[in-house]
Amino acid sequence: MSWRVIRLSSLISPSVGSRSSIRTTSCVFRQTGCKILTTTYLDRSRWEAILRTAEQSLLTPFGLRTLAPTEIAYIGTYAGNQTSRDSAYHQGTVWPWLIGPYVGVARRVRGETWDVRSVLDGLVRHLRLAGLGQVSEILGGDAPHPAVGCIAQAWSVAEFLRVWPKHASTRSKMQDQDEGEGYAS
C-alpha cells in the first residue's frame, strides 16, 4: 500500500454524511480522480453513501466543485485581481473535467441502469452558451455558476466527450433534442 493510499484511507471518517466526511469526499474526489472510491481500500457498503455526500456538496450542473460550500475556506466566486482569482482557484471553483471521473464512479457504484442524462444536461447547455461548442476551464462555485477562466479547455472537452459516447442511448436522445438548433455533435 503506497503512502498516498494510506494517507487517503486515514482521512475517511466513519460517519459518512457528517461535516467531516464532506471534506474527506472532496479530498477523495479531487486527489485521485474518484478512483479510490471503488478500490479495495474502501468497504463496498460505503460507496453509495460517499458518492451521495459528494453529490450533495460538490456536484453542480457543470462539474464538481473543488471544495464544499460548507467549508470555511470555500470561495464561491472566481473574480477580482490575479491574487483573488488565484486564491479562489481550488477553493470551490467548479471544474467541468471532473464530470468524467464522477460519471465513471457513479456508473460503477450504481450500475449501468443509472441515468447519466441529468448529469450531462448542464454541460450540453453550456456547449451552446459559452465558447460555442467548447467547455470552459472553470465556473464559479456559487449558482448560477458563471463560466470563468479560459472559454475552451482541452481536458474539460475531453472528459465530456469521453463519457458522452459511452452512453449511446443518452447520446442519441440528446442529439434528438438538439437537432436543428445548430449544435454540432
N, C-alpha and C. Protein backbone atom coordinates (compact mmCIF):
# COMPACT_ATOMS: atom_id res chain seq x y z
N MET A 1 0.86 -1.17 0.00
CA MET A 1 0.00 0.00 0.00
C MET A 1 0.90 1.23 0.00
N SER A 2 0.67 2.15 -0.92
CA SER A 2 1.51 3.34 -1.01
C SER A 2 1.15 4.35 0.07
N TRP A 3 2.06 5.31 0.27
CA TRP A 3 1.82 6.36 1.25
C TRP A 3 0.54 7.10 0.92
N ARG A 4 0.34 7.40 -0.34
CA ARG A 4 -0.84 8.16 -0.76
C ARG A 4 -2.13 7.44 -0.37
N VAL A 5 -2.18 6.16 -0.58
CA VAL A 5 -3.38 5.39 -0.24
C VAL A 5 -3.56 5.34 1.27
N ILE A 6 -2.48 5.13 1.99
CA ILE A 6 -2.58 5.12 3.46
C ILE A 6 -3.08 6.47 3.94
N ARG A 7 -2.54 7.52 3.42
CA ARG A 7 -2.94 8.87 3.82
C ARG A 7 -4.41 9.11 3.51
N LEU A 8 -4.87 8.77 2.33
CA LEU A 8 -6.27 8.97 1.97
C LEU A 8 -7.18 8.09 2.81
N SER A 9 -6.79 6.86 3.03
CA SER A 9 -7.66 5.98 3.81
C SER A 9 -7.76 6.46 5.25
N SER A 10 -6.75 7.14 5.75
CA SER A 10 -6.82 7.66 7.11
C SER A 10 -7.76 8.85 7.21
N LEU A 11 -8.08 9.46 6.09
CA LEU A 11 -9.00 10.60 6.08
C LEU A 11 -10.46 10.20 6.10
N ILE A 12 -10.78 8.97 5.74
CA ILE A 12 -12.17 8.54 5.65
C ILE A 12 -12.76 8.44 7.05
N SER A 13 -13.75 9.29 7.32
CA SER A 13 -14.36 9.26 8.64
C SER A 13 -15.45 8.20 8.68
N PRO A 14 -15.70 7.62 9.85
CA PRO A 14 -16.71 6.56 9.95
C PRO A 14 -18.14 7.06 9.74
N SER A 15 -18.38 8.34 9.92
CA SER A 15 -19.75 8.85 9.82
C SER A 15 -19.95 9.57 8.49
N VAL A 16 -20.06 8.81 7.42
CA VAL A 16 -20.29 9.40 6.11
C VAL A 16 -21.59 10.19 6.16
N GLY A 17 -21.53 11.41 5.68
CA GLY A 17 -22.69 12.29 5.73
C GLY A 17 -22.49 13.39 6.75
N SER A 18 -21.51 13.24 7.62
CA SER A 18 -21.22 14.30 8.58
C SER A 18 -20.39 15.37 7.91
N ARG A 19 -20.27 16.51 8.56
CA ARG A 19 -19.49 17.62 8.01
C ARG A 19 -18.05 17.18 7.72
N SER A 20 -17.46 16.41 8.59
CA SER A 20 -16.07 15.99 8.38
C SER A 20 -15.93 15.10 7.15
N SER A 21 -16.95 14.32 6.83
CA SER A 21 -16.84 13.45 5.67
C SER A 21 -16.97 14.21 4.36
N ILE A 22 -17.56 15.41 4.39
CA ILE A 22 -17.65 16.21 3.17
C ILE A 22 -16.25 16.61 2.73
N ARG A 23 -15.42 17.04 3.66
CA ARG A 23 -14.05 17.38 3.32
C ARG A 23 -13.33 16.13 2.83
N THR A 24 -13.56 15.01 3.47
CA THR A 24 -12.97 13.75 3.05
C THR A 24 -13.36 13.42 1.62
N THR A 25 -14.65 13.53 1.33
CA THR A 25 -15.12 13.22 -0.01
C THR A 25 -14.48 14.16 -1.02
N SER A 26 -14.41 15.44 -0.68
CA SER A 26 -13.76 16.40 -1.57
C SER A 26 -12.33 15.96 -1.83
N CYS A 27 -11.63 15.58 -0.79
CA CYS A 27 -10.25 15.13 -0.95
C CYS A 27 -10.18 13.87 -1.81
N VAL A 28 -11.04 12.92 -1.53
CA VAL A 28 -11.04 11.68 -2.29
C VAL A 28 -11.30 11.96 -3.76
N PHE A 29 -12.31 12.78 -4.07
CA PHE A 29 -12.63 13.07 -5.46
C PHE A 29 -11.54 13.91 -6.12
N ARG A 30 -11.01 14.88 -5.44
CA ARG A 30 -10.03 15.77 -6.04
C ARG A 30 -8.69 15.09 -6.26
N GLN A 31 -8.20 14.40 -5.28
CA GLN A 31 -6.83 13.92 -5.33
C GLN A 31 -6.64 12.66 -6.15
N THR A 32 -7.66 11.89 -6.33
CA THR A 32 -7.46 10.61 -7.01
C THR A 32 -8.34 10.45 -8.24
N GLY A 33 -9.02 11.49 -8.64
CA GLY A 33 -9.88 11.36 -9.80
C GLY A 33 -10.97 10.34 -9.58
N CYS A 34 -11.45 10.23 -8.37
CA CYS A 34 -12.56 9.34 -8.00
C CYS A 34 -12.19 7.87 -7.95
N LYS A 35 -11.03 7.49 -8.36
CA LYS A 35 -10.70 6.07 -8.47
C LYS A 35 -10.69 5.36 -7.12
N ILE A 36 -10.24 6.03 -6.08
CA ILE A 36 -10.12 5.36 -4.78
C ILE A 36 -11.47 4.89 -4.25
N LEU A 37 -12.54 5.56 -4.65
CA LEU A 37 -13.86 5.22 -4.12
C LEU A 37 -14.22 3.77 -4.40
N THR A 38 -13.83 3.25 -5.53
CA THR A 38 -14.24 1.89 -5.88
C THR A 38 -13.07 0.91 -5.91
N THR A 39 -12.08 1.16 -5.09
CA THR A 39 -10.99 0.20 -4.97
C THR A 39 -11.19 -0.62 -3.70
N THR A 40 -10.32 -1.55 -3.49
CA THR A 40 -10.44 -2.41 -2.31
C THR A 40 -10.11 -1.69 -1.02
N TYR A 41 -9.66 -0.45 -1.09
CA TYR A 41 -9.29 0.27 0.12
C TYR A 41 -10.50 0.74 0.91
N LEU A 42 -11.65 0.79 0.29
CA LEU A 42 -12.87 1.20 0.97
C LEU A 42 -13.88 0.07 0.92
N ASP A 43 -14.59 -0.09 1.99
CA ASP A 43 -15.64 -1.10 2.08
C ASP A 43 -16.75 -0.76 1.09
N ARG A 44 -17.11 -1.72 0.26
CA ARG A 44 -18.12 -1.51 -0.78
C ARG A 44 -19.44 -0.98 -0.22
N SER A 45 -19.78 -1.33 0.99
CA SER A 45 -21.04 -0.89 1.58
C SER A 45 -21.07 0.63 1.80
N ARG A 46 -19.92 1.28 1.75
CA ARG A 46 -19.85 2.73 1.97
C ARG A 46 -19.81 3.54 0.68
N TRP A 47 -19.65 2.89 -0.46
CA TRP A 47 -19.51 3.61 -1.73
C TRP A 47 -20.68 4.54 -2.00
N GLU A 48 -21.89 4.04 -1.89
CA GLU A 48 -23.08 4.85 -2.21
C GLU A 48 -23.18 6.05 -1.28
N ALA A 49 -22.92 5.87 0.00
CA ALA A 49 -23.01 6.98 0.95
C ALA A 49 -21.97 8.06 0.65
N ILE A 50 -20.76 7.65 0.30
CA ILE A 50 -19.72 8.61 -0.05
C ILE A 50 -20.08 9.33 -1.34
N LEU A 51 -20.56 8.61 -2.32
CA LEU A 51 -20.97 9.22 -3.58
C LEU A 51 -22.11 10.21 -3.36
N ARG A 52 -23.08 9.85 -2.56
CA ARG A 52 -24.22 10.73 -2.26
C ARG A 52 -23.75 12.01 -1.55
N THR A 53 -22.81 11.88 -0.63
CA THR A 53 -22.26 13.04 0.06
C THR A 53 -21.56 13.97 -0.93
N ALA A 54 -20.79 13.41 -1.85
CA ALA A 54 -20.12 14.21 -2.87
C ALA A 54 -21.14 14.92 -3.75
N GLU A 55 -22.21 14.23 -4.11
CA GLU A 55 -23.25 14.83 -4.95
C GLU A 55 -23.92 15.99 -4.24
N GLN A 56 -24.19 15.84 -2.97
CA GLN A 56 -24.88 16.89 -2.22
C GLN A 56 -24.02 18.12 -2.02
N SER A 57 -22.71 17.96 -1.92
CA SER A 57 -21.87 19.10 -1.60
C SER A 57 -20.96 19.58 -2.73
N LEU A 58 -20.67 18.74 -3.70
CA LEU A 58 -19.72 19.10 -4.74
C LEU A 58 -20.31 19.16 -6.15
N LEU A 59 -21.30 18.34 -6.45
CA LEU A 59 -21.83 18.25 -7.81
C LEU A 59 -22.67 19.47 -8.17
N THR A 60 -22.41 20.01 -9.35
CA THR A 60 -23.20 21.11 -9.91
C THR A 60 -23.64 20.67 -11.31
N PRO A 61 -24.47 21.46 -11.99
CA PRO A 61 -24.86 21.08 -13.36
C PRO A 61 -23.69 21.06 -14.36
N PHE A 62 -22.53 21.59 -13.96
CA PHE A 62 -21.42 21.75 -14.91
C PHE A 62 -20.16 20.99 -14.53
N GLY A 63 -20.17 20.30 -13.43
CA GLY A 63 -18.99 19.59 -12.96
C GLY A 63 -18.98 19.55 -11.44
N LEU A 64 -17.82 19.27 -10.88
CA LEU A 64 -17.70 19.19 -9.42
C LEU A 64 -16.92 20.38 -8.88
N ARG A 65 -17.39 20.87 -7.73
CA ARG A 65 -16.65 21.91 -7.03
C ARG A 65 -15.37 21.31 -6.46
N THR A 66 -14.38 22.17 -6.26
CA THR A 66 -13.13 21.72 -5.67
C THR A 66 -13.18 21.74 -4.15
N LEU A 67 -14.21 22.34 -3.57
CA LEU A 67 -14.38 22.37 -2.12
C LEU A 67 -15.86 22.59 -1.83
N ALA A 68 -16.36 21.97 -0.80
CA ALA A 68 -17.77 22.09 -0.43
C ALA A 68 -18.07 23.50 0.09
N PRO A 69 -19.26 24.05 -0.25
CA PRO A 69 -19.64 25.38 0.22
C PRO A 69 -19.70 25.50 1.75
N THR A 70 -19.83 24.41 2.44
CA THR A 70 -19.89 24.45 3.91
C THR A 70 -18.52 24.59 4.56
N GLU A 71 -17.47 24.46 3.78
CA GLU A 71 -16.11 24.58 4.33
C GLU A 71 -15.75 26.05 4.54
N ILE A 72 -15.03 26.33 5.60
CA ILE A 72 -14.67 27.71 5.94
C ILE A 72 -13.80 28.37 4.87
N ALA A 73 -13.00 27.60 4.17
CA ALA A 73 -12.10 28.14 3.14
C ALA A 73 -12.78 28.28 1.77
N TYR A 74 -14.06 27.93 1.68
CA TYR A 74 -14.78 27.98 0.40
C TYR A 74 -14.87 29.41 -0.13
N ILE A 75 -14.58 29.56 -1.41
CA ILE A 75 -14.75 30.83 -2.11
C ILE A 75 -15.61 30.53 -3.33
N GLY A 76 -16.83 31.02 -3.34
CA GLY A 76 -17.78 30.67 -4.39
C GLY A 76 -17.71 31.52 -5.64
N THR A 77 -16.93 32.60 -5.60
CA THR A 77 -16.83 33.50 -6.74
C THR A 77 -15.38 33.58 -7.21
N TYR A 78 -15.18 33.35 -8.47
CA TYR A 78 -13.85 33.47 -9.07
C TYR A 78 -13.82 34.80 -9.80
N ALA A 79 -13.27 35.83 -9.13
CA ALA A 79 -13.28 37.18 -9.70
C ALA A 79 -12.19 38.02 -9.03
N GLY A 80 -12.03 39.23 -9.54
CA GLY A 80 -11.09 40.16 -8.94
C GLY A 80 -9.74 40.15 -9.60
N ASN A 81 -8.75 40.65 -8.85
CA ASN A 81 -7.39 40.71 -9.38
C ASN A 81 -6.76 39.31 -9.39
N GLN A 82 -5.55 39.24 -9.89
CA GLN A 82 -4.87 37.95 -10.03
C GLN A 82 -4.76 37.21 -8.70
N THR A 83 -4.44 37.93 -7.64
CA THR A 83 -4.30 37.30 -6.32
C THR A 83 -5.62 36.72 -5.85
N SER A 84 -6.71 37.47 -6.02
CA SER A 84 -8.04 36.99 -5.62
C SER A 84 -8.44 35.76 -6.41
N ARG A 85 -8.20 35.80 -7.72
CA ARG A 85 -8.55 34.65 -8.56
C ARG A 85 -7.70 33.43 -8.20
N ASP A 86 -6.41 33.63 -7.99
CA ASP A 86 -5.54 32.52 -7.61
C ASP A 86 -5.99 31.90 -6.29
N SER A 87 -6.45 32.73 -5.36
CA SER A 87 -6.92 32.23 -4.07
C SER A 87 -8.19 31.39 -4.21
N ALA A 88 -9.02 31.72 -5.18
CA ALA A 88 -10.30 31.02 -5.36
C ALA A 88 -10.18 29.77 -6.23
N TYR A 89 -9.09 29.61 -6.95
CA TYR A 89 -8.97 28.58 -7.98
C TYR A 89 -9.26 27.17 -7.49
N HIS A 90 -8.82 26.82 -6.30
CA HIS A 90 -9.03 25.47 -5.75
C HIS A 90 -9.91 25.50 -4.50
N GLN A 91 -10.66 26.55 -4.31
CA GLN A 91 -11.42 26.71 -3.07
C GLN A 91 -12.93 26.71 -3.31
N GLY A 92 -13.39 25.98 -4.28
CA GLY A 92 -14.82 25.88 -4.53
C GLY A 92 -15.20 26.09 -5.98
N THR A 93 -14.25 26.49 -6.79
CA THR A 93 -14.49 26.66 -8.21
C THR A 93 -14.95 25.33 -8.81
N VAL A 94 -15.85 25.40 -9.79
CA VAL A 94 -16.34 24.19 -10.47
C VAL A 94 -15.39 23.85 -11.61
N TRP A 95 -14.98 22.60 -11.64
CA TRP A 95 -14.10 22.09 -12.70
C TRP A 95 -14.91 21.11 -13.55
N PRO A 96 -15.25 21.48 -14.79
CA PRO A 96 -16.04 20.58 -15.64
C PRO A 96 -15.37 19.25 -15.94
N TRP A 97 -14.05 19.20 -16.00
CA TRP A 97 -13.39 17.94 -16.35
C TRP A 97 -13.65 16.86 -15.31
N LEU A 98 -13.99 17.23 -14.09
CA LEU A 98 -14.25 16.23 -13.05
C LEU A 98 -15.54 15.45 -13.29
N ILE A 99 -16.35 15.89 -14.26
CA ILE A 99 -17.58 15.16 -14.57
C ILE A 99 -17.25 13.76 -15.10
N GLY A 100 -16.15 13.62 -15.81
CA GLY A 100 -15.76 12.32 -16.36
C GLY A 100 -15.48 11.29 -15.28
N PRO A 101 -14.55 11.57 -14.37
CA PRO A 101 -14.31 10.61 -13.29
C PRO A 101 -15.55 10.38 -12.43
N TYR A 102 -16.34 11.43 -12.20
CA TYR A 102 -17.56 11.27 -11.41
C TYR A 102 -18.53 10.29 -12.08
N VAL A 103 -18.77 10.47 -13.38
CA VAL A 103 -19.68 9.58 -14.11
C VAL A 103 -19.17 8.14 -14.05
N GLY A 104 -17.87 7.96 -14.20
CA GLY A 104 -17.30 6.61 -14.13
C GLY A 104 -17.56 5.94 -12.79
N VAL A 105 -17.36 6.68 -11.72
CA VAL A 105 -17.59 6.12 -10.39
C VAL A 105 -19.08 5.87 -10.16
N ALA A 106 -19.92 6.83 -10.54
CA ALA A 106 -21.37 6.65 -10.33
C ALA A 106 -21.88 5.43 -11.09
N ARG A 107 -21.39 5.22 -12.31
CA ARG A 107 -21.79 4.04 -13.08
C ARG A 107 -21.33 2.76 -12.40
N ARG A 108 -20.13 2.78 -11.86
CA ARG A 108 -19.61 1.59 -11.21
C ARG A 108 -20.38 1.29 -9.92
N VAL A 109 -20.71 2.32 -9.17
CA VAL A 109 -21.42 2.14 -7.90
C VAL A 109 -22.88 1.78 -8.14
N ARG A 110 -23.53 2.46 -9.09
CA ARG A 110 -24.98 2.31 -9.28
C ARG A 110 -25.35 1.37 -10.42
N GLY A 111 -24.41 0.99 -11.21
CA GLY A 111 -24.69 0.06 -12.30
C GLY A 111 -25.04 0.76 -13.59
N GLU A 112 -25.13 -0.02 -14.64
CA GLU A 112 -25.39 0.50 -15.98
C GLU A 112 -26.78 1.11 -16.13
N THR A 113 -27.68 0.82 -15.21
CA THR A 113 -29.03 1.38 -15.32
C THR A 113 -29.10 2.82 -14.81
N TRP A 114 -28.04 3.29 -14.17
CA TRP A 114 -28.01 4.67 -13.68
C TRP A 114 -28.10 5.63 -14.86
N ASP A 115 -29.00 6.58 -14.79
CA ASP A 115 -29.25 7.51 -15.90
C ASP A 115 -28.33 8.72 -15.80
N VAL A 116 -27.41 8.84 -16.73
CA VAL A 116 -26.41 9.90 -16.72
C VAL A 116 -26.94 11.21 -17.33
N ARG A 117 -28.09 11.16 -17.99
CA ARG A 117 -28.58 12.34 -18.71
C ARG A 117 -28.67 13.59 -17.85
N SER A 118 -29.22 13.46 -16.66
CA SER A 118 -29.40 14.65 -15.82
C SER A 118 -28.06 15.27 -15.44
N VAL A 119 -27.03 14.46 -15.36
CA VAL A 119 -25.70 14.96 -15.02
C VAL A 119 -25.07 15.68 -16.21
N LEU A 120 -25.29 15.19 -17.41
CA LEU A 120 -24.67 15.78 -18.60
C LEU A 120 -25.48 16.92 -19.22
N ASP A 121 -26.75 17.05 -18.87
CA ASP A 121 -27.60 18.09 -19.46
C ASP A 121 -27.03 19.49 -19.27
N GLY A 122 -26.49 19.79 -18.10
CA GLY A 122 -25.92 21.11 -17.84
C GLY A 122 -24.77 21.41 -18.77
N LEU A 123 -23.92 20.43 -19.01
CA LEU A 123 -22.79 20.65 -19.92
C LEU A 123 -23.25 20.75 -21.37
N VAL A 124 -24.29 20.03 -21.73
CA VAL A 124 -24.82 20.15 -23.10
C VAL A 124 -25.31 21.59 -23.32
N ARG A 125 -26.03 22.13 -22.35
CA ARG A 125 -26.48 23.54 -22.44
C ARG A 125 -25.28 24.48 -22.49
N HIS A 126 -24.29 24.21 -21.68
CA HIS A 126 -23.08 25.03 -21.62
C HIS A 126 -22.37 25.07 -22.98
N LEU A 127 -22.38 23.97 -23.70
CA LEU A 127 -21.75 23.92 -25.02
C LEU A 127 -22.34 24.95 -25.97
N ARG A 128 -23.63 25.23 -25.81
CA ARG A 128 -24.31 26.19 -26.69
C ARG A 128 -24.12 27.63 -26.24
N LEU A 129 -23.83 27.83 -24.96
CA LEU A 129 -23.84 29.18 -24.41
C LEU A 129 -22.46 29.79 -24.20
N ALA A 130 -21.48 29.01 -23.89
CA ALA A 130 -20.15 29.54 -23.58
C ALA A 130 -19.12 28.85 -24.46
N GLY A 131 -18.44 29.62 -25.28
CA GLY A 131 -17.38 29.05 -26.10
C GLY A 131 -17.84 28.35 -27.35
N LEU A 132 -19.14 28.36 -27.65
CA LEU A 132 -19.68 27.78 -28.87
C LEU A 132 -19.11 26.41 -29.21
N GLY A 133 -19.58 25.42 -28.51
CA GLY A 133 -19.13 24.05 -28.75
C GLY A 133 -17.93 23.65 -27.92
N GLN A 134 -17.53 24.49 -27.01
CA GLN A 134 -16.40 24.20 -26.13
C GLN A 134 -16.89 24.10 -24.69
N VAL A 135 -16.04 23.60 -23.82
CA VAL A 135 -16.34 23.56 -22.39
C VAL A 135 -15.31 24.45 -21.71
N SER A 136 -15.78 25.33 -20.86
CA SER A 136 -14.91 26.27 -20.16
C SER A 136 -13.95 25.56 -19.22
N GLU A 137 -12.89 26.26 -18.89
CA GLU A 137 -11.90 25.74 -17.94
C GLU A 137 -12.53 25.54 -16.56
N ILE A 138 -13.18 26.58 -16.06
CA ILE A 138 -13.78 26.55 -14.72
C ILE A 138 -15.05 27.39 -14.73
N LEU A 139 -15.86 27.19 -13.69
CA LEU A 139 -17.05 28.01 -13.48
C LEU A 139 -17.09 28.39 -12.01
N GLY A 140 -17.82 29.46 -11.71
CA GLY A 140 -17.95 29.87 -10.33
C GLY A 140 -18.62 28.79 -9.49
N GLY A 141 -18.25 28.71 -8.23
CA GLY A 141 -18.81 27.70 -7.34
C GLY A 141 -20.24 27.98 -6.93
N ASP A 142 -20.60 29.26 -6.86
CA ASP A 142 -21.96 29.65 -6.49
C ASP A 142 -22.85 29.74 -7.72
N ALA A 143 -24.12 29.31 -7.56
CA ALA A 143 -25.10 29.43 -8.64
C ALA A 143 -25.23 30.91 -8.99
N PRO A 144 -25.38 31.21 -10.27
CA PRO A 144 -25.67 30.33 -11.40
C PRO A 144 -24.43 29.74 -12.07
N HIS A 145 -23.31 29.72 -11.40
CA HIS A 145 -22.07 29.11 -11.89
C HIS A 145 -21.60 29.74 -13.22
N PRO A 146 -21.27 31.04 -13.19
CA PRO A 146 -20.82 31.68 -14.43
C PRO A 146 -19.51 31.08 -14.93
N ALA A 147 -19.39 30.98 -16.25
CA ALA A 147 -18.16 30.49 -16.87
C ALA A 147 -17.07 31.53 -16.65
N VAL A 148 -15.93 31.08 -16.15
CA VAL A 148 -14.78 31.95 -15.90
C VAL A 148 -13.53 31.22 -16.36
N GLY A 149 -12.40 31.86 -16.28
CA GLY A 149 -11.18 31.23 -16.79
C GLY A 149 -11.23 31.23 -18.31
N CYS A 150 -10.49 30.35 -18.95
CA CYS A 150 -10.48 30.34 -20.41
C CYS A 150 -11.78 29.71 -20.93
N ILE A 151 -12.21 30.15 -22.11
CA ILE A 151 -13.51 29.71 -22.64
C ILE A 151 -13.47 28.31 -23.24
N ALA A 152 -12.28 27.78 -23.50
CA ALA A 152 -12.16 26.45 -24.09
C ALA A 152 -10.98 25.74 -23.44
N GLN A 153 -11.28 24.68 -22.70
CA GLN A 153 -10.22 23.93 -22.02
C GLN A 153 -10.21 22.50 -22.54
N ALA A 154 -9.08 22.07 -23.04
CA ALA A 154 -8.98 20.75 -23.68
C ALA A 154 -9.42 19.62 -22.76
N TRP A 155 -8.97 19.60 -21.51
CA TRP A 155 -9.33 18.47 -20.66
C TRP A 155 -10.79 18.50 -20.25
N SER A 156 -11.41 19.69 -20.22
CA SER A 156 -12.85 19.76 -19.95
C SER A 156 -13.63 19.17 -21.11
N VAL A 157 -13.24 19.54 -22.32
CA VAL A 157 -13.88 18.99 -23.52
C VAL A 157 -13.65 17.48 -23.60
N ALA A 158 -12.42 17.07 -23.35
CA ALA A 158 -12.06 15.65 -23.47
C ALA A 158 -12.87 14.77 -22.51
N GLU A 159 -13.03 15.19 -21.28
CA GLU A 159 -13.78 14.37 -20.32
C GLU A 159 -15.26 14.30 -20.67
N PHE A 160 -15.81 15.39 -21.15
CA PHE A 160 -17.21 15.36 -21.60
C PHE A 160 -17.35 14.37 -22.76
N LEU A 161 -16.47 14.48 -23.74
CA LEU A 161 -16.54 13.58 -24.90
C LEU A 161 -16.25 12.13 -24.52
N ARG A 162 -15.41 11.93 -23.53
CA ARG A 162 -15.08 10.57 -23.10
C ARG A 162 -16.29 9.87 -22.50
N VAL A 163 -17.08 10.56 -21.69
CA VAL A 163 -18.22 9.89 -21.05
C VAL A 163 -19.47 9.93 -21.91
N TRP A 164 -19.62 10.92 -22.76
CA TRP A 164 -20.85 11.04 -23.55
C TRP A 164 -21.02 9.89 -24.54
N PRO A 165 -20.05 9.57 -25.37
CA PRO A 165 -20.25 8.46 -26.32
C PRO A 165 -20.39 7.10 -25.66
N LYS A 166 -19.91 6.93 -24.43
CA LYS A 166 -20.02 5.64 -23.75
C LYS A 166 -21.46 5.27 -23.46
N HIS A 167 -22.32 6.24 -23.48
CA HIS A 167 -23.71 6.01 -23.12
C HIS A 167 -24.57 6.28 -24.36
N ALA A 168 -24.56 5.34 -25.28
CA ALA A 168 -25.17 5.51 -26.61
C ALA A 168 -26.62 5.95 -26.54
N SER A 169 -27.41 5.38 -25.65
CA SER A 169 -28.82 5.77 -25.58
C SER A 169 -28.94 7.21 -25.11
N THR A 170 -28.07 7.62 -24.21
CA THR A 170 -28.07 9.01 -23.75
C THR A 170 -27.70 9.92 -24.91
N ARG A 171 -26.68 9.55 -25.66
CA ARG A 171 -26.21 10.39 -26.75
C ARG A 171 -27.30 10.58 -27.81
N SER A 172 -27.97 9.51 -28.19
CA SER A 172 -28.98 9.65 -29.24
C SER A 172 -30.15 10.50 -28.77
N LYS A 173 -30.54 10.42 -27.52
CA LYS A 173 -31.63 11.25 -27.01
C LYS A 173 -31.23 12.71 -27.00
N MET A 174 -29.98 13.00 -26.63
CA MET A 174 -29.51 14.38 -26.63
C MET A 174 -29.42 14.93 -28.04
N GLN A 175 -28.99 14.11 -28.99
CA GLN A 175 -28.91 14.57 -30.37
C GLN A 175 -30.30 14.87 -30.90
N ASP A 176 -31.29 14.05 -30.56
CA ASP A 176 -32.66 14.30 -30.99
C ASP A 176 -33.16 15.64 -30.46
N GLN A 177 -32.85 15.96 -29.22
CA GLN A 177 -33.29 17.22 -28.62
C GLN A 177 -32.63 18.41 -29.29
N ASP A 178 -31.39 18.25 -29.72
CA ASP A 178 -30.63 19.37 -30.27
C ASP A 178 -30.74 19.51 -31.78
N GLU A 179 -31.36 18.57 -32.45
CA GLU A 179 -31.43 18.61 -33.90
C GLU A 179 -32.08 19.91 -34.37
N GLY A 180 -31.43 20.56 -35.31
CA GLY A 180 -31.97 21.78 -35.86
C GLY A 180 -31.64 23.03 -35.05
N GLU A 181 -30.90 22.89 -33.95
CA GLU A 181 -30.56 24.05 -33.15
C GLU A 181 -29.12 24.51 -33.39
N GLY A 182 -28.47 23.98 -34.39
CA GLY A 182 -27.11 24.39 -34.70
C GLY A 182 -26.06 23.80 -33.78
N TYR A 183 -26.40 22.75 -33.07
CA TYR A 183 -25.46 22.12 -32.16
C TYR A 183 -24.73 21.01 -32.89
N ALA A 184 -23.43 21.09 -32.92
CA ALA A 184 -22.63 20.06 -33.60
C ALA A 184 -22.39 18.90 -32.66
N SER A 185 -22.62 17.70 -33.15
CA SER A 185 -22.39 16.52 -32.30
C SER A 185 -21.04 15.93 -32.57
